PDB file of all heavy atoms in Angstrom:
ATOM      1  N   ASP A   1       6.998   3.749  -9.398  1.00  0.00           N
ATOM      2  CA  ASP A   1       6.906   2.764  -8.300  1.00  0.00           C
ATOM      3  C   ASP A   1       6.051   1.591  -8.638  1.00  0.00           C
ATOM      4  O   ASP A   1       5.935   0.611  -7.822  1.00  0.00           O
ATOM      5  CB  ASP A   1       6.336   3.452  -7.042  1.00  0.00           C
ATOM      6  CG  ASP A   1       7.282   4.524  -6.472  1.00  0.00           C
ATOM      7  OD1 ASP A   1       8.488   4.430  -6.736  1.00  0.00           O
ATOM      8  OD2 ASP A   1       6.737   5.465  -5.853  1.00  0.00           O
ATOM      9  N   ALA A   2       5.414   1.554  -9.790  1.00  0.00           N
ATOM     10  CA  ALA A   2       4.640   0.397 -10.167  1.00  0.00           C
ATOM     11  C   ALA A   2       5.314  -0.358 -11.319  1.00  0.00           C
ATOM     12  O   ALA A   2       6.115   0.199 -12.029  1.00  0.00           O
ATOM     13  CB  ALA A   2       3.237   0.883 -10.686  1.00  0.00           C
ATOM     14  N   ALA A   3       4.963  -1.635 -11.438  1.00  0.00           N
ATOM     15  CA  ALA A   3       5.454  -2.467 -12.516  1.00  0.00           C
ATOM     16  C   ALA A   3       4.392  -2.589 -13.599  1.00  0.00           C
ATOM     17  O   ALA A   3       3.335  -3.165 -13.345  1.00  0.00           O
ATOM     18  CB  ALA A   3       5.866  -3.868 -11.978  1.00  0.00           C
ATOM     19  N   VAL A   4       4.716  -1.976 -14.770  1.00  0.00           N
ATOM     20  CA  VAL A   4       3.733  -2.095 -15.926  1.00  0.00           C
ATOM     21  C   VAL A   4       4.417  -2.959 -16.965  1.00  0.00           C
ATOM     22  O   VAL A   4       5.470  -2.540 -17.481  1.00  0.00           O
ATOM     23  CB  VAL A   4       3.379  -0.744 -16.500  1.00  0.00           C
ATOM     24  CG1 VAL A   4       2.280  -0.888 -17.535  1.00  0.00           C
ATOM     25  CG2 VAL A   4       2.885   0.221 -15.348  1.00  0.00           C
ATOM     26  N   THR A   5       3.879  -4.140 -17.302  1.00  0.00           N
ATOM     27  CA  THR A   5       4.555  -5.088 -18.124  1.00  0.00           C
ATOM     28  C   THR A   5       3.773  -5.379 -19.375  1.00  0.00           C
ATOM     29  O   THR A   5       2.568  -5.851 -19.248  1.00  0.00           O
ATOM     30  CB  THR A   5       4.793  -6.371 -17.329  1.00  0.00           C
ATOM     31  OG1 THR A   5       5.347  -6.108 -16.063  1.00  0.00           O
ATOM     32  CG2 THR A   5       5.724  -7.354 -18.123  1.00  0.00           C
ATOM     33  N   PRO A   6       4.327  -5.284 -20.529  1.00  0.00           N
ATOM     34  CA  PRO A   6       3.609  -5.658 -21.735  1.00  0.00           C
ATOM     35  C   PRO A   6       3.468  -7.133 -21.899  1.00  0.00           C
ATOM     36  O   PRO A   6       4.504  -7.839 -21.646  1.00  0.00           O
ATOM     37  CB  PRO A   6       4.433  -5.016 -22.875  1.00  0.00           C
ATOM     38  CG  PRO A   6       5.800  -4.929 -22.290  1.00  0.00           C
ATOM     39  CD  PRO A   6       5.652  -4.708 -20.841  1.00  0.00           C
ATOM     40  N   ARG A   7       2.398  -7.675 -22.293  1.00  0.00           N
ATOM     41  CA  ARG A   7       2.195  -9.110 -22.393  1.00  0.00           C
ATOM     42  C   ARG A   7       1.446  -9.444 -23.719  1.00  0.00           C
ATOM     43  O   ARG A   7       0.709  -8.654 -24.279  1.00  0.00           O
ATOM     44  CB  ARG A   7       1.352  -9.643 -21.204  1.00  0.00           C
ATOM     45  CG  ARG A   7       1.877  -9.279 -19.854  1.00  0.00           C
ATOM     46  CD  ARG A   7       3.123 -10.124 -19.451  1.00  0.00           C
ATOM     47  NE  ARG A   7       3.414  -9.993 -18.029  1.00  0.00           N
ATOM     48  CZ  ARG A   7       4.376 -10.650 -17.422  1.00  0.00           C
ATOM     49  NH1 ARG A   7       5.123 -11.544 -18.130  1.00  0.00           N
ATOM     50  NH2 ARG A   7       4.669 -10.495 -16.151  1.00  0.00           N
ATOM     51  N   GLY A   8       1.613 -10.677 -24.093  1.00  0.00           N
ATOM     52  CA  GLY A   8       0.850 -11.246 -25.238  1.00  0.00           C
ATOM     53  C   GLY A   8      -0.294 -12.054 -24.769  1.00  0.00           C
ATOM     54  O   GLY A   8      -0.409 -12.495 -23.611  1.00  0.00           O
ATOM     55  N   LEU A   9      -1.303 -12.314 -25.650  1.00  0.00           N
ATOM     56  CA  LEU A   9      -2.469 -13.066 -25.304  1.00  0.00           C
ATOM     57  C   LEU A   9      -2.164 -14.436 -24.817  1.00  0.00           C
ATOM     58  O   LEU A   9      -2.833 -15.000 -23.984  1.00  0.00           O
ATOM     59  CB  LEU A   9      -3.417 -13.129 -26.483  1.00  0.00           C
ATOM     60  CG  LEU A   9      -4.121 -11.812 -26.844  1.00  0.00           C
ATOM     61  CD1 LEU A   9      -4.862 -11.942 -28.207  1.00  0.00           C
ATOM     62  CD2 LEU A   9      -5.128 -11.422 -25.770  1.00  0.00           C
ATOM     63  N   ASP A  10      -1.095 -15.034 -25.360  1.00  0.00           N
ATOM     64  CA  ASP A  10      -0.698 -16.405 -24.980  1.00  0.00           C
ATOM     65  C   ASP A  10      -0.195 -16.529 -23.555  1.00  0.00           C
ATOM     66  O   ASP A  10      -0.076 -17.638 -23.045  1.00  0.00           O
ATOM     67  CB  ASP A  10       0.359 -16.940 -25.952  1.00  0.00           C
ATOM     68  CG  ASP A  10       1.636 -16.070 -25.939  1.00  0.00           C
ATOM     69  OD1 ASP A  10       1.546 -14.874 -25.605  1.00  0.00           O
ATOM     70  OD2 ASP A  10       2.689 -16.607 -26.210  1.00  0.00           O
ATOM     71  N   GLU A  11       0.010 -15.384 -22.957  1.00  0.00           N
ATOM     72  CA  GLU A  11       0.478 -15.427 -21.509  1.00  0.00           C
ATOM     73  C   GLU A  11      -0.619 -15.385 -20.481  1.00  0.00           C
ATOM     74  O   GLU A  11      -0.392 -15.527 -19.295  1.00  0.00           O
ATOM     75  CB  GLU A  11       1.423 -14.239 -21.239  1.00  0.00           C
ATOM     76  CG  GLU A  11       2.698 -14.233 -22.093  1.00  0.00           C
ATOM     77  CD  GLU A  11       3.584 -13.020 -21.892  1.00  0.00           C
ATOM     78  OE1 GLU A  11       4.287 -13.010 -20.780  1.00  0.00           O
ATOM     79  OE2 GLU A  11       3.595 -12.130 -22.652  1.00  0.00           O
ATOM     80  N   LEU A  12      -1.888 -15.240 -20.949  1.00  0.00           N
ATOM     81  CA  LEU A  12      -3.012 -15.141 -20.018  1.00  0.00           C
ATOM     82  C   LEU A  12      -3.103 -16.327 -19.033  1.00  0.00           C
ATOM     83  O   LEU A  12      -3.393 -16.153 -17.848  1.00  0.00           O
ATOM     84  CB  LEU A  12      -4.306 -14.946 -20.766  1.00  0.00           C
ATOM     85  CG  LEU A  12      -4.600 -13.517 -21.305  1.00  0.00           C
ATOM     86  CD1 LEU A  12      -5.789 -13.520 -22.183  1.00  0.00           C
ATOM     87  CD2 LEU A  12      -4.749 -12.565 -20.154  1.00  0.00           C
ATOM     88  N   PRO A  13      -2.942 -17.580 -19.497  1.00  0.00           N
ATOM     89  CA  PRO A  13      -3.004 -18.710 -18.546  1.00  0.00           C
ATOM     90  C   PRO A  13      -2.064 -18.597 -17.358  1.00  0.00           C
ATOM     91  O   PRO A  13      -2.275 -19.154 -16.289  1.00  0.00           O
ATOM     92  CB  PRO A  13      -2.689 -19.957 -19.422  1.00  0.00           C
ATOM     93  CG  PRO A  13      -3.079 -19.498 -20.818  1.00  0.00           C
ATOM     94  CD  PRO A  13      -2.744 -18.075 -20.884  1.00  0.00           C
ATOM     95  N   GLU A  14      -0.906 -17.971 -17.570  1.00  0.00           N
ATOM     96  CA  GLU A  14       0.060 -17.771 -16.521  1.00  0.00           C
ATOM     97  C   GLU A  14      -0.234 -16.555 -15.652  1.00  0.00           C
ATOM     98  O   GLU A  14       0.072 -16.497 -14.442  1.00  0.00           O
ATOM     99  CB  GLU A  14       1.492 -17.645 -17.013  1.00  0.00           C
ATOM    100  CG  GLU A  14       2.036 -18.969 -17.659  1.00  0.00           C
ATOM    101  CD  GLU A  14       1.495 -19.297 -18.959  1.00  0.00           C
ATOM    102  OE1 GLU A  14       1.430 -18.385 -19.827  1.00  0.00           O
ATOM    103  OE2 GLU A  14       1.115 -20.418 -19.221  1.00  0.00           O
ATOM    104  N   LEU A  15      -0.877 -15.535 -16.269  1.00  0.00           N
ATOM    105  CA  LEU A  15      -1.121 -14.275 -15.566  1.00  0.00           C
ATOM    106  C   LEU A  15      -2.332 -14.298 -14.684  1.00  0.00           C
ATOM    107  O   LEU A  15      -2.338 -13.766 -13.572  1.00  0.00           O
ATOM    108  CB  LEU A  15      -1.273 -13.181 -16.613  1.00  0.00           C
ATOM    109  CG  LEU A  15      -0.092 -12.860 -17.468  1.00  0.00           C
ATOM    110  CD1 LEU A  15      -0.446 -11.811 -18.554  1.00  0.00           C
ATOM    111  CD2 LEU A  15       1.087 -12.411 -16.633  1.00  0.00           C
ATOM    112  N   MET A  16      -3.438 -14.909 -15.138  1.00  0.00           N
ATOM    113  CA  MET A  16      -4.697 -14.873 -14.390  1.00  0.00           C
ATOM    114  C   MET A  16      -4.612 -15.440 -12.994  1.00  0.00           C
ATOM    115  O   MET A  16      -5.192 -14.885 -12.034  1.00  0.00           O
ATOM    116  CB  MET A  16      -5.795 -15.445 -15.183  1.00  0.00           C
ATOM    117  CG  MET A  16      -6.266 -14.653 -16.422  1.00  0.00           C
ATOM    118  SD  MET A  16      -6.607 -12.875 -15.980  1.00  0.00           S
ATOM    119  CE  MET A  16      -7.909 -13.032 -14.798  1.00  0.00           C
ATOM    120  N   PRO A  17      -3.892 -16.558 -12.756  1.00  0.00           N
ATOM    121  CA  PRO A  17      -3.817 -17.063 -11.375  1.00  0.00           C
ATOM    122  C   PRO A  17      -3.109 -16.124 -10.404  1.00  0.00           C
ATOM    123  O   PRO A  17      -3.319 -16.228  -9.144  1.00  0.00           O
ATOM    124  CB  PRO A  17      -2.972 -18.378 -11.555  1.00  0.00           C
ATOM    125  CG  PRO A  17      -3.209 -18.772 -12.943  1.00  0.00           C
ATOM    126  CD  PRO A  17      -3.287 -17.481 -13.729  1.00  0.00           C
ATOM    127  N   LEU A  18      -2.325 -15.147 -10.972  1.00  0.00           N
ATOM    128  CA  LEU A  18      -1.614 -14.157 -10.124  1.00  0.00           C
ATOM    129  C   LEU A  18      -2.442 -12.921  -9.875  1.00  0.00           C
ATOM    130  O   LEU A  18      -2.088 -12.103  -9.010  1.00  0.00           O
ATOM    131  CB  LEU A  18      -0.259 -13.806 -10.749  1.00  0.00           C
ATOM    132  CG  LEU A  18       0.624 -14.952 -11.113  1.00  0.00           C
ATOM    133  CD1 LEU A  18       1.826 -14.403 -11.840  1.00  0.00           C
ATOM    134  CD2 LEU A  18       1.102 -15.666  -9.816  1.00  0.00           C
ATOM    135  N   ALA A  19      -3.501 -12.728 -10.659  1.00  0.00           N
ATOM    136  CA  ALA A  19      -4.227 -11.478 -10.686  1.00  0.00           C
ATOM    137  C   ALA A  19      -5.286 -11.334  -9.698  1.00  0.00           C
ATOM    138  O   ALA A  19      -5.947 -12.351  -9.308  1.00  0.00           O
ATOM    139  CB  ALA A  19      -4.778 -11.227 -12.097  1.00  0.00           C
ATOM    140  N   ASP A  20      -5.555 -10.117  -9.224  1.00  0.00           N
ATOM    141  CA  ASP A  20      -6.705  -9.851  -8.396  1.00  0.00           C
ATOM    142  C   ASP A  20      -7.938  -9.603  -9.243  1.00  0.00           C
ATOM    143  O   ASP A  20      -9.103  -9.924  -8.858  1.00  0.00           O
ATOM    144  CB  ASP A  20      -6.523  -8.576  -7.521  1.00  0.00           C
ATOM    145  CG  ASP A  20      -5.284  -8.756  -6.540  1.00  0.00           C
ATOM    146  OD1 ASP A  20      -5.233  -9.795  -5.905  1.00  0.00           O
ATOM    147  OD2 ASP A  20      -4.454  -7.824  -6.595  1.00  0.00           O
ATOM    148  N   GLY A  21      -7.729  -8.991 -10.386  1.00  0.00           N
ATOM    149  CA  GLY A  21      -8.898  -8.652 -11.251  1.00  0.00           C
ATOM    150  C   GLY A  21      -8.523  -8.493 -12.741  1.00  0.00           C
ATOM    151  O   GLY A  21      -7.309  -8.474 -13.055  1.00  0.00           O
ATOM    152  N   LEU A  22      -9.527  -8.345 -13.558  1.00  0.00           N
ATOM    153  CA  LEU A  22      -9.344  -8.235 -15.010  1.00  0.00           C
ATOM    154  C   LEU A  22     -10.133  -7.061 -15.500  1.00  0.00           C
ATOM    155  O   LEU A  22     -11.317  -6.868 -15.133  1.00  0.00           O
ATOM    156  CB  LEU A  22      -9.875  -9.492 -15.662  1.00  0.00           C
ATOM    157  CG  LEU A  22      -9.948  -9.466 -17.212  1.00  0.00           C
ATOM    158  CD1 LEU A  22      -8.586  -9.728 -17.856  1.00  0.00           C
ATOM    159  CD2 LEU A  22     -10.979 -10.521 -17.691  1.00  0.00           C
ATOM    160  N   VAL A  23      -9.523  -6.189 -16.367  1.00  0.00           N
ATOM    161  CA  VAL A  23     -10.212  -5.130 -17.010  1.00  0.00           C
ATOM    162  C   VAL A  23     -10.165  -5.405 -18.472  1.00  0.00           C
ATOM    163  O   VAL A  23      -9.078  -5.664 -19.013  1.00  0.00           O
ATOM    164  CB  VAL A  23      -9.596  -3.784 -16.661  1.00  0.00           C
ATOM    165  CG1 VAL A  23     -10.366  -2.663 -17.309  1.00  0.00           C
ATOM    166  CG2 VAL A  23      -9.523  -3.556 -15.165  1.00  0.00           C
ATOM    167  N   HIS A  24     -11.280  -5.284 -19.165  1.00  0.00           N
ATOM    168  CA  HIS A  24     -11.403  -5.501 -20.602  1.00  0.00           C
ATOM    169  C   HIS A  24     -11.586  -4.202 -21.382  1.00  0.00           C
ATOM    170  O   HIS A  24     -12.588  -3.416 -21.097  1.00  0.00           O
ATOM    171  CB  HIS A  24     -12.501  -6.463 -20.868  1.00  0.00           C
ATOM    172  CG  HIS A  24     -12.808  -6.617 -22.381  1.00  0.00           C
ATOM    173  ND1 HIS A  24     -13.984  -6.391 -22.972  1.00  0.00           N
ATOM    174  CD2 HIS A  24     -11.909  -6.969 -23.369  1.00  0.00           C
ATOM    175  CE1 HIS A  24     -13.888  -6.604 -24.290  1.00  0.00           C
ATOM    176  NE2 HIS A  24     -12.685  -6.943 -24.562  1.00  0.00           N
ATOM    177  N   CYS A  25     -10.672  -3.924 -22.290  1.00  0.00           N
ATOM    178  CA  CYS A  25     -10.688  -2.647 -23.011  1.00  0.00           C
ATOM    179  C   CYS A  25     -10.526  -2.875 -24.543  1.00  0.00           C
ATOM    180  O   CYS A  25      -9.793  -2.088 -25.222  1.00  0.00           O
ATOM    181  CB  CYS A  25      -9.583  -1.670 -22.545  1.00  0.00           C
ATOM    182  SG  CYS A  25      -9.619  -1.332 -20.769  1.00  0.00           S
ATOM    183  N   THR A  26     -11.098  -3.892 -25.061  1.00  0.00           N
ATOM    184  CA  THR A  26     -11.049  -4.079 -26.539  1.00  0.00           C
ATOM    185  C   THR A  26     -12.430  -4.021 -27.026  1.00  0.00           C
ATOM    186  O   THR A  26     -13.422  -4.076 -26.269  1.00  0.00           O
ATOM    187  CB  THR A  26     -10.412  -5.499 -26.872  1.00  0.00           C
ATOM    188  OG1 THR A  26     -11.385  -6.504 -26.836  1.00  0.00           O
ATOM    189  CG2 THR A  26      -9.269  -5.852 -25.923  1.00  0.00           C
ATOM    190  N   PRO A  27     -12.681  -4.072 -28.379  1.00  0.00           N
ATOM    191  CA  PRO A  27     -14.071  -4.034 -28.977  1.00  0.00           C
ATOM    192  C   PRO A  27     -14.804  -5.339 -28.765  1.00  0.00           C
ATOM    193  O   PRO A  27     -15.946  -5.407 -29.126  1.00  0.00           O
ATOM    194  CB  PRO A  27     -13.784  -3.721 -30.407  1.00  0.00           C
ATOM    195  CG  PRO A  27     -12.420  -3.136 -30.541  1.00  0.00           C
ATOM    196  CD  PRO A  27     -11.621  -3.838 -29.459  1.00  0.00           C
ATOM    197  N   VAL A  28     -14.093  -6.442 -28.415  1.00  0.00           N
ATOM    198  CA  VAL A  28     -14.812  -7.728 -28.351  1.00  0.00           C
ATOM    199  C   VAL A  28     -15.947  -7.649 -27.337  1.00  0.00           C
ATOM    200  O   VAL A  28     -15.762  -7.215 -26.219  1.00  0.00           O
ATOM    201  CB  VAL A  28     -13.842  -8.843 -27.925  1.00  0.00           C
ATOM    202  CG1 VAL A  28     -14.609 -10.149 -27.794  1.00  0.00           C
ATOM    203  CG2 VAL A  28     -12.742  -8.986 -28.985  1.00  0.00           C
ATOM    204  N   GLY A  29     -17.103  -8.065 -27.743  1.00  0.00           N
ATOM    205  CA  GLY A  29     -18.266  -8.007 -26.888  1.00  0.00           C
ATOM    206  C   GLY A  29     -19.241  -6.953 -27.347  1.00  0.00           C
ATOM    207  O   GLY A  29     -20.421  -6.981 -26.908  1.00  0.00           O
ATOM    208  N   MET A  30     -18.845  -5.989 -28.180  1.00  0.00           N
ATOM    209  CA  MET A  30     -19.754  -5.056 -28.729  1.00  0.00           C
ATOM    210  C   MET A  30     -20.749  -5.761 -29.687  1.00  0.00           C
ATOM    211  O   MET A  30     -20.493  -6.908 -30.098  1.00  0.00           O
ATOM    212  CB  MET A  30     -19.047  -3.981 -29.587  1.00  0.00           C
ATOM    213  CG  MET A  30     -18.135  -3.023 -28.729  1.00  0.00           C
ATOM    214  SD  MET A  30     -17.342  -1.826 -29.859  1.00  0.00           S
ATOM    215  CE  MET A  30     -16.472  -0.811 -28.662  1.00  0.00           C
ATOM    216  N   ALA A  31     -21.875  -5.085 -29.905  1.00  0.00           N
ATOM    217  CA  ALA A  31     -22.874  -5.730 -30.730  1.00  0.00           C
ATOM    218  C   ALA A  31     -22.320  -6.154 -32.076  1.00  0.00           C
ATOM    219  O   ALA A  31     -22.697  -7.230 -32.615  1.00  0.00           O
ATOM    220  CB  ALA A  31     -23.994  -4.755 -30.976  1.00  0.00           C
ATOM    221  N   ALA A  32     -21.394  -5.377 -32.638  1.00  0.00           N
ATOM    222  CA  ALA A  32     -20.800  -5.722 -33.954  1.00  0.00           C
ATOM    223  C   ALA A  32     -19.613  -6.661 -33.803  1.00  0.00           C
ATOM    224  O   ALA A  32     -19.125  -7.179 -34.842  1.00  0.00           O
ATOM    225  CB  ALA A  32     -20.324  -4.457 -34.611  1.00  0.00           C
ATOM    226  N   HIS A  33     -19.155  -6.924 -32.626  1.00  0.00           N
ATOM    227  CA  HIS A  33     -18.048  -7.839 -32.356  1.00  0.00           C
ATOM    228  C   HIS A  33     -18.365  -8.793 -31.211  1.00  0.00           C
ATOM    229  O   HIS A  33     -17.625  -8.762 -30.151  1.00  0.00           O
ATOM    230  CB  HIS A  33     -16.785  -7.061 -32.059  1.00  0.00           C
ATOM    231  CG  HIS A  33     -16.395  -6.051 -33.125  1.00  0.00           C
ATOM    232  ND1 HIS A  33     -15.733  -6.465 -34.294  1.00  0.00           N
ATOM    233  CD2 HIS A  33     -16.580  -4.757 -33.166  1.00  0.00           C
ATOM    234  CE1 HIS A  33     -15.553  -5.344 -35.033  1.00  0.00           C
ATOM    235  NE2 HIS A  33     -16.066  -4.358 -34.353  1.00  0.00           N
ATOM    236  N   PRO A  34     -19.386  -9.638 -31.319  1.00  0.00           N
ATOM    237  CA  PRO A  34     -19.811 -10.474 -30.206  1.00  0.00           C
ATOM    238  C   PRO A  34     -18.739 -11.546 -29.829  1.00  0.00           C
ATOM    239  O   PRO A  34     -17.883 -11.862 -30.655  1.00  0.00           O
ATOM    240  CB  PRO A  34     -21.089 -11.132 -30.710  1.00  0.00           C
ATOM    241  CG  PRO A  34     -20.967 -11.159 -32.200  1.00  0.00           C
ATOM    242  CD  PRO A  34     -20.226  -9.890 -32.513  1.00  0.00           C
TER     243      PRO A  34
END
């Protein structure tokens, strides 16, 4: 009943204006990957 859509990083400018929120699940931001 949900729509789960694969996207590329280049699509973020079009996606964020439609979104309620953002969840970050990559290593970027870790001490070793600031």
